Amino acid sequence: MAAGVTSRVRLMTSILIAPIRNAGVLATQAATIDSLSNGRLTLGLAVGGREDDYLAGLAPYRNRGKRFDEMLMHMRRIWAGDTFTDDSNPSGPAPIQPGAGLTIGSGAAR
């Protein structure tokens, strides 16, 4: 809704824990918001360091970094217009800005 009633305000997510989500759905959702906002989305993604987030998301905590890398590659393919179906339709809209304004978050373990 913010994208529809504004023309200059940037839209930004908090840092989303990517490996507890479906890469294709996340890429399509981000590209849709980026397109609707005319390229004003900043999408924040991270691996996440709390195991309880993964338990709540019904996702495995182990190998989350490797899965995150694979997700990023898959998402970039979707944003580039690669097809994943037999009918050769793109998996979703292309974002206005390359990578849907992707920002990667990180932190150090204590």
PDB file of N, CA and C in Angstrom:
ATOM      1  N   MET A   1       0.820  -1.187   0.000  1.00  0.00           N
ATOM      2  CA  MET A   1       0.000   0.000   0.000  1.00  0.00           C
ATOM      3  C   MET A   1       0.866   1.252   0.000  1.00  0.00           C
ATOM      4  N   ALA A   2       1.980   1.211   0.725  1.00  0.00           N
ATOM      5  CA  ALA A   2       2.860   2.385   0.768  1.00  0.00           C
ATOM      6  C   ALA A   2       3.382   2.718  -0.619  1.00  0.00           C
ATOM      7  N   ALA A   3       3.651   1.696  -1.407  1.00  0.00           N
ATOM      8  CA  ALA A   3       4.148   1.932  -2.766  1.00  0.00           C
ATOM      9  C   ALA A   3       3.094   2.602  -3.631  1.00  0.00           C
ATOM     10  N   GLY A   4       1.824   2.311  -3.380  1.00  0.00           N
ATOM     11  CA  GLY A   4       0.752   2.858  -4.191  1.00  0.00           C
ATOM     12  C   GLY A   4       0.390   4.296  -3.872  1.00  0.00           C
ATOM     13  N   VAL A   5       0.666   4.726  -2.653  1.00  0.00           N
ATOM     14  CA  VAL A   5       0.265   6.084  -2.261  1.00  0.00           C
ATOM     15  C   VAL A   5       1.447   7.038  -2.144  1.00  0.00           C
ATOM     16  N   THR A   6       2.635   6.574  -2.486  1.00  0.00           N
ATOM     17  CA  THR A   6       3.822   7.425  -2.473  1.00  0.00           C
ATOM     18  C   THR A   6       4.545   7.268  -3.798  1.00  0.00           C
ATOM     19  N   SER A   7       5.443   8.190  -4.074  1.00  0.00           N
ATOM     20  CA  SER A   7       6.225   8.057  -5.303  1.00  0.00           C
ATOM     21  C   SER A   7       7.721   8.203  -5.061  1.00  0.00           C
ATOM     22  N   ARG A   8       8.113   8.661  -3.866  1.00  0.00           N
ATOM     23  CA  ARG A   8       9.540   8.849  -3.593  1.00  0.00           C
ATOM     24  C   ARG A   8      10.031   8.068  -2.373  1.00  0.00           C
ATOM     25  N   VAL A   9       9.148   7.691  -1.476  1.00  0.00           N
ATOM     26  CA  VAL A   9       9.548   6.989  -0.263  1.00  0.00           C
ATOM     27  C   VAL A   9      10.084   5.612  -0.627  1.00  0.00           C
ATOM     28  N   ARG A  10      11.273   5.288  -0.102  1.00  0.00           N
ATOM     29  CA  ARG A  10      11.847   3.958  -0.337  1.00  0.00           C
ATOM     30  C   ARG A  10      11.205   2.972   0.622  1.00  0.00           C
ATOM     31  N   LEU A  11      11.094   1.742   0.208  1.00  0.00           N
ATOM     32  CA  LEU A  11      10.538   0.669   1.020  1.00  0.00           C
ATOM     33  C   LEU A  11      11.677  -0.264   1.405  1.00  0.00           C
ATOM     34  N   MET A  12      11.757  -0.606   2.680  1.00  0.00           N
ATOM     35  CA  MET A  12      12.850  -1.465   3.130  1.00  0.00           C
ATOM     36  C   MET A  12      12.337  -2.489   4.127  1.00  0.00           C
ATOM     37  N   THR A  13      12.762  -3.723   3.906  1.00  0.00           N
ATOM     38  CA  THR A  13      12.440  -4.764   4.879  1.00  0.00           C
ATOM     39  C   THR A  13      13.440  -4.676   6.021  1.00  0.00           C
ATOM     40  N   SER A  14      13.096  -5.292   7.127  1.00  0.00           N
ATOM     41  CA  SER A  14      14.132  -5.567   8.117  1.00  0.00           C
ATOM     42  C   SER A  14      14.961  -6.703   7.514  1.00  0.00           C
ATOM     43  N   ILE A  15      15.948  -7.182   8.215  1.00  0.00           N
ATOM     44  CA  ILE A  15      16.716  -8.309   7.693  1.00  0.00           C
ATOM     45  C   ILE A  15      15.872  -9.571   7.842  1.00  0.00           C
ATOM     46  N   LEU A  16      15.513 -10.171   6.725  1.00  0.00           N
ATOM     47  CA  LEU A  16      14.739 -11.404   6.721  1.00  0.00           C
ATOM     48  C   LEU A  16      15.690 -12.587   6.780  1.00  0.00           C
ATOM     49  N   ILE A  17      15.348 -13.571   7.558  1.00  0.00           N
ATOM     50  CA  ILE A  17      16.160 -14.788   7.629  1.00  0.00           C
ATOM     51  C   ILE A  17      15.776 -15.643   6.423  1.00  0.00           C
ATOM     52  N   ALA A  18      16.595 -15.582   5.408  1.00  0.00           N
ATOM     53  CA  ALA A  18      16.266 -16.190   4.123  1.00  0.00           C
ATOM     54  C   ALA A  18      16.132 -17.717   4.162  1.00  0.00           C
ATOM     55  N   PRO A  19      17.054 -18.472   4.794  1.00  0.00           N
ATOM     56  CA  PRO A  19      16.983 -19.928   4.680  1.00  0.00           C
ATOM     57  C   PRO A  19      15.768 -20.585   5.331  1.00  0.00           C
ATOM     58  N   ILE A  20      14.911 -19.835   6.008  1.00  0.00           N
ATOM     59  CA  ILE A  20      13.676 -20.447   6.519  1.00  0.00           C
ATOM     60  C   ILE A  20      12.521 -20.210   5.555  1.00  0.00           C
ATOM     61  N   ARG A  21      12.813 -19.617   4.395  1.00  0.00           N
ATOM     62  CA  ARG A  21      11.788 -19.305   3.402  1.00  0.00           C
ATOM     63  C   ARG A  21      12.055 -20.064   2.097  1.00  0.00           C
ATOM     64  N   ASN A  22      11.061 -20.067   1.236  1.00  0.00           N
ATOM     65  CA  ASN A  22      11.184 -20.649  -0.090  1.00  0.00           C
ATOM     66  C   ASN A  22      11.804 -19.605  -1.016  1.00  0.00           C
ATOM     67  N   ALA A  23      12.904 -19.935  -1.658  1.00  0.00           N
ATOM     68  CA  ALA A  23      13.642 -18.978  -2.486  1.00  0.00           C
ATOM     69  C   ALA A  23      12.810 -18.443  -3.643  1.00  0.00           C
ATOM     70  N   GLY A  24      12.059 -19.309  -4.300  1.00  0.00           N
ATOM     71  CA  GLY A  24      11.254 -18.874  -5.438  1.00  0.00           C
ATOM     72  C   GLY A  24      10.145 -17.924  -5.034  1.00  0.00           C
ATOM     73  N   VAL A  25       9.481 -18.243  -3.948  1.00  0.00           N
ATOM     74  CA  VAL A  25       8.399 -17.378  -3.466  1.00  0.00           C
ATOM     75  C   VAL A  25       8.965 -16.040  -3.014  1.00  0.00           C
ATOM     76  N   LEU A  26      10.052 -16.071  -2.262  1.00  0.00           N
ATOM     77  CA  LEU A  26      10.671 -14.839  -1.779  1.00  0.00           C
ATOM     78  C   LEU A  26      11.136 -13.955  -2.934  1.00  0.00           C
ATOM     79  N   ALA A  27      11.767 -14.541  -3.940  1.00  0.00           N
ATOM     80  CA  ALA A  27      12.237 -13.769  -5.102  1.00  0.00           C
ATOM     81  C   ALA A  27      11.066 -13.150  -5.850  1.00  0.00           C
ATOM     82  N   THR A  28      10.005 -13.895  -6.033  1.00  0.00           N
ATOM     83  CA  THR A  28       8.827 -13.382  -6.742  1.00  0.00           C
ATOM     84  C   THR A  28       8.148 -12.275  -5.953  1.00  0.00           C
ATOM     85  N   GLN A  29       8.014 -12.458  -4.643  1.00  0.00           N
ATOM     86  CA  GLN A  29       7.398 -11.429  -3.809  1.00  0.00           C
ATOM     87  C   GLN A  29       8.222 -10.142  -3.842  1.00  0.00           C
ATOM     88  N   ALA A  30       9.535 -10.273  -3.706  1.00  0.00           N
ATOM     89  CA  ALA A  30      10.405  -9.092  -3.720  1.00  0.00           C
ATOM     90  C   ALA A  30      10.345  -8.385  -5.070  1.00  0.00           C
ATOM     91  N   ALA A  31      10.381  -9.150  -6.152  1.00  0.00           N
ATOM     92  CA  ALA A  31      10.323  -8.540  -7.489  1.00  0.00           C
ATOM     93  C   ALA A  31       8.989  -7.841  -7.715  1.00  0.00           C
ATOM     94  N   THR A  32       7.915  -8.412  -7.202  1.00  0.00           N
ATOM     95  CA  THR A  32       6.598  -7.793  -7.342  1.00  0.00           C
ATOM     96  C   THR A  32       6.545  -6.461  -6.610  1.00  0.00           C
ATOM     97  N   ILE A  33       7.028  -6.423  -5.378  1.00  0.00           N
ATOM     98  CA  ILE A  33       7.037  -5.171  -4.614  1.00  0.00           C
ATOM     99  C   ILE A  33       7.966  -4.158  -5.269  1.00  0.00           C
ATOM    100  N   ASP A  34       9.113  -4.610  -5.755  1.00  0.00           N
ATOM    101  CA  ASP A  34      10.041  -3.706  -6.425  1.00  0.00           C
ATOM    102  C   ASP A  34       9.397  -3.121  -7.679  1.00  0.00           C
ATOM    103  N   SER A  35       8.703  -3.948  -8.423  1.00  0.00           N
ATOM    104  CA  SER A  35       8.037  -3.489  -9.639  1.00  0.00           C
ATOM    105  C   SER A  35       6.907  -2.510  -9.314  1.00  0.00           C
ATOM    106  N   LEU A  36       6.066  -2.861  -8.339  1.00  0.00           N
ATOM    107  CA  LEU A  36       4.950  -1.987  -7.958  1.00  0.00           C
ATOM    108  C   LEU A  36       5.422  -0.645  -7.415  1.00  0.00           C
ATOM    109  N   SER A  37       6.593  -0.630  -6.794  1.00  0.00           N
ATOM    110  CA  SER A  37       7.115   0.607  -6.208  1.00  0.00           C
ATOM    111  C   SER A  37       8.046   1.353  -7.164  1.00  0.00           C
ATOM    112  N   ASN A  38       8.141   0.881  -8.390  1.00  0.00           N
ATOM    113  CA  ASN A  38       9.017   1.488  -9.396  1.00  0.00           C
ATOM    114  C   ASN A  38      10.483   1.512  -8.946  1.00  0.00           C
ATOM    115  N   GLY A  39      10.922   0.397  -8.381  1.00  0.00           N
ATOM    116  CA  GLY A  39      12.335   0.243  -8.019  1.00  0.00           C
ATOM    117  C   GLY A  39      12.728   0.865  -6.698  1.00  0.00           C
ATOM    118  N   ARG A  40      11.801   0.939  -5.750  1.00  0.00           N
ATOM    119  CA  ARG A  40      12.115   1.589  -4.471  1.00  0.00           C
ATOM    120  C   ARG A  40      12.286   0.606  -3.317  1.00  0.00           C
ATOM    121  N   LEU A  41      12.409  -0.693  -3.598  1.00  0.00           N
ATOM    122  CA  LEU A  41      12.566  -1.689  -2.539  1.00  0.00           C
ATOM    123  C   LEU A  41      14.031  -1.908  -2.194  1.00  0.00           C
ATOM    124  N   THR A  42      14.320  -2.000  -0.906  1.00  0.00           N
ATOM    125  CA  THR A  42      15.594  -2.513  -0.422  1.00  0.00           C
ATOM    126  C   THR A  42      15.255  -3.771   0.360  1.00  0.00           C
ATOM    127  N   LEU A  43      15.718  -4.902  -0.130  1.00  0.00           N
ATOM    128  CA  LEU A  43      15.425  -6.207   0.465  1.00  0.00           C
ATOM    129  C   LEU A  43      16.598  -6.645   1.317  1.00  0.00           C
ATOM    130  N   GLY A  44      16.401  -6.736   2.615  1.00  0.00           N
ATOM    131  CA  GLY A  44      17.453  -7.168   3.527  1.00  0.00           C
ATOM    132  C   GLY A  44      17.349  -8.645   3.831  1.00  0.00           C
ATOM    133  N   LEU A  45      18.420  -9.395   3.585  1.00  0.00           N
ATOM    134  CA  LEU A  45      18.452 -10.840   3.837  1.00  0.00           C
ATOM    135  C   LEU A  45      19.671 -11.205   4.663  1.00  0.00           C
ATOM    136  N   ALA A  46      19.540 -12.258   5.456  1.00  0.00           N
ATOM    137  CA  ALA A  46      20.661 -12.766   6.243  1.00  0.00           C
ATOM    138  C   ALA A  46      20.454 -14.254   6.507  1.00  0.00           C
ATOM    139  N   VAL A  47      21.497 -14.881   7.016  1.00  0.00           N
ATOM    140  CA  VAL A  47      21.450 -16.298   7.365  1.00  0.00           C
ATOM    141  C   VAL A  47      20.719 -16.504   8.680  1.00  0.00           C
ATOM    142  N   GLY A  48      20.939 -15.629   9.622  1.00  0.00           N
ATOM    143  CA  GLY A  48      20.328 -15.779  10.947  1.00  0.00           C
ATOM    144  C   GLY A  48      21.170 -16.677  11.821  1.00  0.00           C
ATOM    145  N   GLY A  49      21.288 -16.308  13.063  1.00  0.00           N
ATOM    146  CA  GLY A  49      22.137 -17.069  13.962  1.00  0.00           C
ATOM    147  C   GLY A  49      21.417 -17.709  15.135  1.00  0.00           C
ATOM    148  N   ARG A  50      20.098 -17.570  15.174  1.00  0.00           N
ATOM    149  CA  ARG A  50      19.346 -18.134  16.301  1.00  0.00           C
ATOM    150  C   ARG A  50      18.628 -19.408  15.884  1.00  0.00           C
ATOM    151  N   GLU A  51      18.967 -20.493  16.542  1.00  0.00           N
ATOM    152  CA  GLU A  51      18.361 -21.775  16.186  1.00  0.00           C
ATOM    153  C   GLU A  51      16.855 -21.784  16.422  1.00  0.00           C
ATOM    154  N   ASP A  52      16.373 -21.026  17.409  1.00  0.00           N
ATOM    155  CA  ASP A  52      14.936 -21.026  17.683  1.00  0.00           C
ATOM    156  C   ASP A  52      14.132 -20.421  16.521  1.00  0.00           C
ATOM    157  N   ASP A  53      14.719 -19.503  15.755  1.00  0.00           N
ATOM    158  CA  ASP A  53      14.039 -18.984  14.566  1.00  0.00           C
ATOM    159  C   ASP A  53      13.810 -20.101  13.554  1.00  0.00           C
ATOM    160  N   TYR A  54      14.784 -20.974  13.420  1.00  0.00           N
ATOM    161  CA  TYR A  54      14.670 -22.096  12.487  1.00  0.00           C
ATOM    162  C   TYR A  54      13.665 -23.131  12.982  1.00  0.00           C
ATOM    163  N   LEU A  55      13.642 -23.351  14.287  1.00  0.00           N
ATOM    164  CA  LEU A  55      12.656 -24.270  14.845  1.00  0.00           C
ATOM    165  C   LEU A  55      11.246 -23.747  14.604  1.00  0.00           C
ATOM    166  N   ALA A  56      11.045 -22.454  14.807  1.00  0.00           N
ATOM    167  CA  ALA A  56       9.725 -21.854  14.583  1.00  0.00           C
ATOM    168  C   ALA A  56       9.351 -21.886  13.101  1.00  0.00           C
ATOM    169  N   GLY A  57      10.340 -21.778  12.216  1.00  0.00           N
ATOM    170  CA  GLY A  57      10.099 -21.793  10.780  1.00  0.00           C
ATOM    171  C   GLY A  57      10.093 -23.178  10.162  1.00  0.00           C
ATOM    172  N   LEU A  58      10.236 -24.201  10.996  1.00  0.00           N
ATOM    173  CA  LEU A  58      10.261 -25.599  10.532  1.00  0.00           C
ATOM    174  C   LEU A  58      11.329 -25.828   9.470  1.00  0.00           C
ATOM    175  N   ALA A  59      12.474 -25.212   9.672  1.00  0.00           N
ATOM    176  CA  ALA A  59      13.582 -25.344   8.729  1.00  0.00           C
ATOM    177  C   ALA A  59      14.820 -25.833   9.482  1.00  0.00           C
ATOM    178  N   PRO A  60      15.680 -26.611   8.828  1.00  0.00           N
ATOM    179  CA  PRO A  60      16.887 -27.091   9.494  1.00  0.00           C
ATOM    180  C   PRO A  60      17.895 -25.964   9.718  1.00  0.00           C
ATOM    181  N   TYR A  61      18.477 -25.941  10.890  1.00  0.00           N
ATOM    182  CA  TYR A  61      19.481 -24.937  11.249  1.00  0.00           C
ATOM    183  C   TYR A  61      20.830 -25.266  10.609  1.00  0.00           C
ATOM    184  N   ARG A  62      21.112 -26.561  10.526  1.00  0.00           N
ATOM    185  CA  ARG A  62      22.376 -27.041   9.982  1.00  0.00           C
ATOM    186  C   ARG A  62      22.472 -26.701   8.494  1.00  0.00           C
ATOM    187  N   ASN A  63      23.642 -26.337   8.021  1.00  0.00           N
ATOM    188  CA  ASN A  63      23.917 -26.023   6.614  1.00  0.00           C
ATOM    189  C   ASN A  63      23.173 -24.788   6.106  1.00  0.00           C
ATOM    190  N   ARG A  64      22.763 -23.906   7.015  1.00  0.00           N
ATOM    191  CA  ARG A  64      21.995 -22.732   6.596  1.00  0.00           C
ATOM    192  C   ARG A  64      22.805 -21.793   5.705  1.00  0.00           C
ATOM    193  N   GLY A  65      24.111 -21.690   5.930  1.00  0.00           N
ATOM    194  CA  GLY A  65      24.948 -20.829   5.097  1.00  0.00           C
ATOM    195  C   GLY A  65      25.010 -21.324   3.666  1.00  0.00           C
ATOM    196  N   LYS A  66      25.177 -22.615   3.493  1.00  0.00           N
ATOM    197  CA  LYS A  66      25.221 -23.205   2.156  1.00  0.00           C
ATOM    198  C   LYS A  66      23.871 -23.026   1.460  1.00  0.00           C
ATOM    199  N   ARG A  67      22.789 -23.254   2.197  1.00  0.00           N
ATOM    200  CA  ARG A  67      21.455 -23.070   1.615  1.00  0.00           C
ATOM    201  C   ARG A  67      21.218 -21.610   1.227  1.00  0.00           C
ATOM    202  N   PHE A  68      21.724 -20.682   2.046  1.00  0.00           N
ATOM    203  CA  PHE A  68      21.585 -19.263   1.745  1.00  0.00           C
ATOM    204  C   PHE A  68      22.296 -18.927   0.432  1.00  0.00           C
ATOM    205  N   ASP A  69      23.513 -19.429   0.260  1.00  0.00           N
ATOM    206  CA  ASP A  69      24.248 -19.213  -1.001  1.00  0.00           C
ATOM    207  C   ASP A  69      23.462 -19.751  -2.191  1.00  0.00           C
ATOM    208  N   GLU A  70      22.903 -20.954  -2.045  1.00  0.00           N
ATOM    209  CA  GLU A  70      22.118 -21.556  -3.122  1.00  0.00           C
ATOM    210  C   GLU A  70      20.860 -20.740  -3.404  1.00  0.00           C
ATOM    211  N   MET A  71      20.232 -20.246  -2.339  1.00  0.00           N
ATOM    212  CA  MET A  71      19.036 -19.410  -2.501  1.00  0.00           C
ATOM    213  C   MET A  71      19.354 -18.148  -3.287  1.00  0.00           C
ATOM    214  N   LEU A  72      20.467 -17.495  -2.952  1.00  0.00           N
ATOM    215  CA  LEU A  72      20.840 -16.267  -3.645  1.00  0.00           C
ATOM    216  C   LEU A  72      21.041 -16.517  -5.137  1.00  0.00           C
ATOM    217  N   MET A  73      21.689 -17.618  -5.471  1.00  0.00           N
ATOM    218  CA  MET A  73      21.887 -17.955  -6.889  1.00  0.00           C
ATOM    219  C   MET A  73      20.540 -18.193  -7.578  1.00  0.00           C
ATOM    220  N   HIS A  74      19.665 -18.930  -6.916  1.00  0.00           N
ATOM    221  CA  HIS A  74      18.348 -19.228  -7.480  1.00  0.00           C
ATOM    222  C   HIS A  74      17.527 -17.945  -7.647  1.00  0.00           C
ATOM    223  N   MET A  75      17.555 -17.080  -6.647  1.00  0.00           N
ATOM    224  CA  MET A  75      16.807 -15.825  -6.706  1.00  0.00           C
ATOM    225  C   MET A  75      17.317 -14.938  -7.839  1.00  0.00           C
ATOM    226  N   ARG A  76      18.621 -14.873  -8.007  1.00  0.00           N
ATOM    227  CA  ARG A  76      19.188 -14.066  -9.094  1.00  0.00           C
ATOM    228  C   ARG A  76      18.777 -14.597 -10.462  1.00  0.00           C
ATOM    229  N   ARG A  77      18.675 -15.926 -10.577  1.00  0.00           N
ATOM    230  CA  ARG A  77      18.198 -16.517 -11.837  1.00  0.00           C
ATOM    231  C   ARG A  77      16.749 -16.123 -12.102  1.00  0.00           C
ATOM    232  N   ILE A  78      15.932 -16.144 -11.073  1.00  0.00           N
ATOM    233  CA  ILE A  78      14.528 -15.743 -11.225  1.00  0.00           C
ATOM    234  C   ILE A  78      14.450 -14.282 -11.644  1.00  0.00           C
ATOM    235  N   TRP A  79      15.210 -13.432 -10.959  1.00  0.00           N
ATOM    236  CA  TRP A  79      15.191 -11.999 -11.279  1.00  0.00           C
ATOM    237  C   TRP A  79      15.726 -11.721 -12.682  1.00  0.00           C
ATOM    238  N   ALA A  80      16.589 -12.596 -13.189  1.00  0.00           N
ATOM    239  CA  ALA A  80      17.122 -12.430 -14.539  1.00  0.00           C
ATOM    240  C   ALA A  80      16.154 -12.934 -15.604  1.00  0.00           C
ATOM    241  N   GLY A  81      15.042 -13.559 -15.175  1.00  0.00           N
ATOM    242  CA  GLY A  81      14.034 -14.020 -16.121  1.00  0.00           C
ATOM    243  C   GLY A  81      14.150 -15.465 -16.524  1.00  0.00           C
ATOM    244  N   ASP A  82      15.017 -16.233 -15.852  1.00  0.00           N
ATOM    245  CA  ASP A  82      15.113 -17.660 -16.164  1.00  0.00           C
ATOM    246  C   ASP A  82      13.763 -18.330 -15.919  1.00  0.00           C
ATOM    247  N   THR A  83      13.481 -19.347 -16.679  1.00  0.00           N
ATOM    248  CA  THR A  83      12.223 -20.074 -16.532  1.00  0.00           C
ATOM    249  C   THR A  83      12.487 -21.407 -15.845  1.00  0.00           C
ATOM    250  N   PHE A  84      11.482 -21.859 -15.131  1.00  0.00           N
ATOM    251  CA  PHE A  84      11.600 -23.118 -14.401  1.00  0.00           C
ATOM    252  C   PHE A  84      10.411 -24.021 -14.680  1.00  0.00           C
ATOM    253  N   THR A  85       9.674 -23.729 -15.755  1.00  0.00           N
ATOM    254  CA  THR A  85       8.509 -24.526 -16.109  1.00  0.00           C
ATOM    255  C   THR A  85       8.619 -24.955 -17.564  1.00  0.00           C
ATOM    256  N   ASP A  86       7.819 -25.936 -17.926  1.00  0.00           N
ATOM    257  CA  ASP A  86       7.831 -26.436 -19.306  1.00  0.00           C
ATOM    258  C   ASP A  86       7.239 -25.435 -20.295  1.00  0.00           C
ATOM    259  N   ASP A  87       6.387 -24.515 -19.822  1.00  0.00           N
ATOM    260  CA  ASP A  87       5.746 -23.584 -20.754  1.00  0.00           C
ATOM    261  C   ASP A  87       6.584 -22.332 -21.007  1.00  0.00           C
ATOM    262  N   SER A  88       7.796 -22.282 -20.467  1.00  0.00           N
ATOM    263  CA  SER A  88       8.759 -21.203 -20.705  1.00  0.00           C
ATOM    264  C   SER A  88       8.296 -19.824 -20.238  1.00  0.00           C
ATOM    265  N   ASN A  89       7.365 -19.778 -19.302  1.00  0.00           N
ATOM    266  CA  ASN A  89       6.979 -18.498 -18.711  1.00  0.00           C
ATOM    267  C   ASN A  89       7.929 -18.174 -17.580  1.00  0.00           C
ATOM    268  N   PRO A  90       8.313 -16.904 -17.436  1.00  0.00           N
ATOM    269  CA  PRO A  90       9.168 -16.547 -16.302  1.00  0.00           C
ATOM    270  C   PRO A  90       8.472 -16.881 -14.992  1.00  0.00           C
ATOM    271  N   SER A  91       9.248 -17.136 -13.968  1.00  0.00           N
ATOM    272  CA  SER A  91       8.694 -17.510 -12.673  1.00  0.00           C
ATOM    273  C   SER A  91       8.039 -16.343 -11.961  1.00  0.00           C
ATOM    274  N   GLY A  92       8.279 -15.147 -12.385  1.00  0.00           N
ATOM    275  CA  GLY A  92       7.677 -13.983 -11.761  1.00  0.00           C
ATOM    276  C   GLY A  92       8.103 -12.733 -12.491  1.00  0.00           C
ATOM    277  N   PRO A  93       7.628 -11.595 -12.008  1.00  0.00           N
ATOM    278  CA  PRO A  93       8.018 -10.345 -12.672  1.00  0.00           C
ATOM    279  C   PRO A  93       9.490 -10.042 -12.438  1.00  0.00           C
ATOM    280  N   ALA A  94      10.075  -9.324 -13.343  1.00  0.00           N
ATOM    281  CA  ALA A  94      11.458  -8.894 -13.153  1.00  0.00           C
ATOM    282  C   ALA A  94      11.450  -7.647 -12.276  1.00  0.00           C
ATOM    283  N   PRO A  95      12.393  -7.557 -11.353  1.00  0.00           N
ATOM    284  CA  PRO A  95      12.463  -6.341 -10.551  1.00  0.00           C
ATOM    285  C   PRO A  95      12.918  -5.170 -11.414  1.00  0.00           C
ATOM    286  N   ILE A  96      12.565  -3.959 -11.013  1.00  0.00           N
ATOM    287  CA  ILE A  96      12.990  -2.762 -11.729  1.00  0.00           C
ATOM    288  C   ILE A  96      14.491  -2.566 -11.573  1.00  0.00           C
ATOM    289  N   GLN A  97      14.981  -2.703 -10.343  1.00  0.00           N
ATOM    290  CA  GLN A  97      16.406  -2.542 -10.078  1.00  0.00           C
ATOM    291  C   GLN A  97      17.062  -3.919  -9.989  1.00  0.00           C
ATOM    292  N   PRO A  98      18.293  -4.044 -10.435  1.00  0.00           N
ATOM    293  CA  PRO A  98      18.967  -5.345 -10.381  1.00  0.00           C
ATOM    294  C   PRO A  98      18.998  -5.899  -8.960  1.00  0.00           C
ATOM    295  N   GLY A  99      18.580  -7.150  -8.805  1.00  0.00           N
ATOM    296  CA  GLY A  99      18.627  -7.802  -7.506  1.00  0.00           C
ATOM    297  C   GLY A  99      17.632  -7.268  -6.500  1.00  0.00           C
ATOM    298  N   ALA A 100      16.621  -6.545  -6.952  1.00  0.00           N
ATOM    299  CA  ALA A 100      15.573  -6.012  -6.071  1.00  0.00           C
ATOM    300  C   ALA A 100      16.165  -5.244  -4.886  1.00  0.00           C
ATOM    301  N   GLY A 101      17.244  -4.508  -5.123  1.00  0.00           N
ATOM    302  CA  GLY A 101      17.831  -3.704  -4.054  1.00  0.00           C
ATOM    303  C   GLY A 101      18.360  -4.535  -2.903  1.00  0.00           C
ATOM    304  N   LEU A 102      18.937  -5.666  -3.207  1.00  0.00           N
ATOM    305  CA  LEU A 102      19.380  -6.630  -2.202  1.00  0.00           C
ATOM    306  C   LEU A 102      20.463  -6.089  -1.298  1.00  0.00           C
ATOM    307  N   THR A 103      20.260  -6.272   0.015  1.00  0.00           N
ATOM    308  CA  THR A 103      21.251  -5.935   1.036  1.00  0.00           C
ATOM    309  C   THR A 103      21.435  -7.174   1.891  1.00  0.00           C
ATOM    310  N   ILE A 104      22.683  -7.568   2.119  1.00  0.00           N
ATOM    311  CA  ILE A 104      22.985  -8.754   2.915  1.00  0.00           C
ATOM    312  C   ILE A 104      23.425  -8.312   4.306  1.00  0.00           C
ATOM    313  N   GLY A 105      22.778  -8.881   5.323  1.00  0.00           N
ATOM    314  CA  GLY A 105      23.162  -8.582   6.700  1.00  0.00           C
ATOM    315  C   GLY A 105      24.021  -9.690   7.258  1.00  0.00           C
ATOM    316  N   SER A 106      24.851  -9.342   8.219  1.00  0.00           N
ATOM    317  CA  SER A 106      25.685 -10.360   8.856  1.00  0.00           C
ATOM    318  C   SER A 106      26.025  -9.908  10.263  1.00  0.00           C
ATOM    319  N   GLY A 107      26.550 -10.818  11.005  1.00  0.00           N
ATOM    320  CA  GLY A 107      26.981 -10.522  12.363  1.00  0.00           C
ATOM    321  C   GLY A 107      28.029 -11.524  12.782  1.00  0.00           C
ATOM    322  N   ALA A 108      28.665 -11.260  13.855  1.00  0.00           N
ATOM    323  CA  ALA A 108      29.701 -12.161  14.365  1.00  0.00           C
ATOM    324  C   ALA A 108      29.187 -12.864  15.610  1.00  0.00           C
ATOM    325  N   ALA A 109      29.536 -14.126  15.737  1.00  0.00           N
ATOM    326  CA  ALA A 109      29.157 -14.870  16.930  1.00  0.00           C
ATOM    327  C   ALA A 109      29.961 -14.353  18.124  1.00  0.00           C
ATOM    328  N   ARG A 110      29.332 -14.378  19.272  1.00  0.00           N
ATOM    329  CA  ARG A 110      30.020 -13.915  20.475  1.00  0.00           C
ATOM    330  C   ARG A 110      30.824 -15.007  21.117  1.00  0.00           C
TER     331      ARG A 110
END
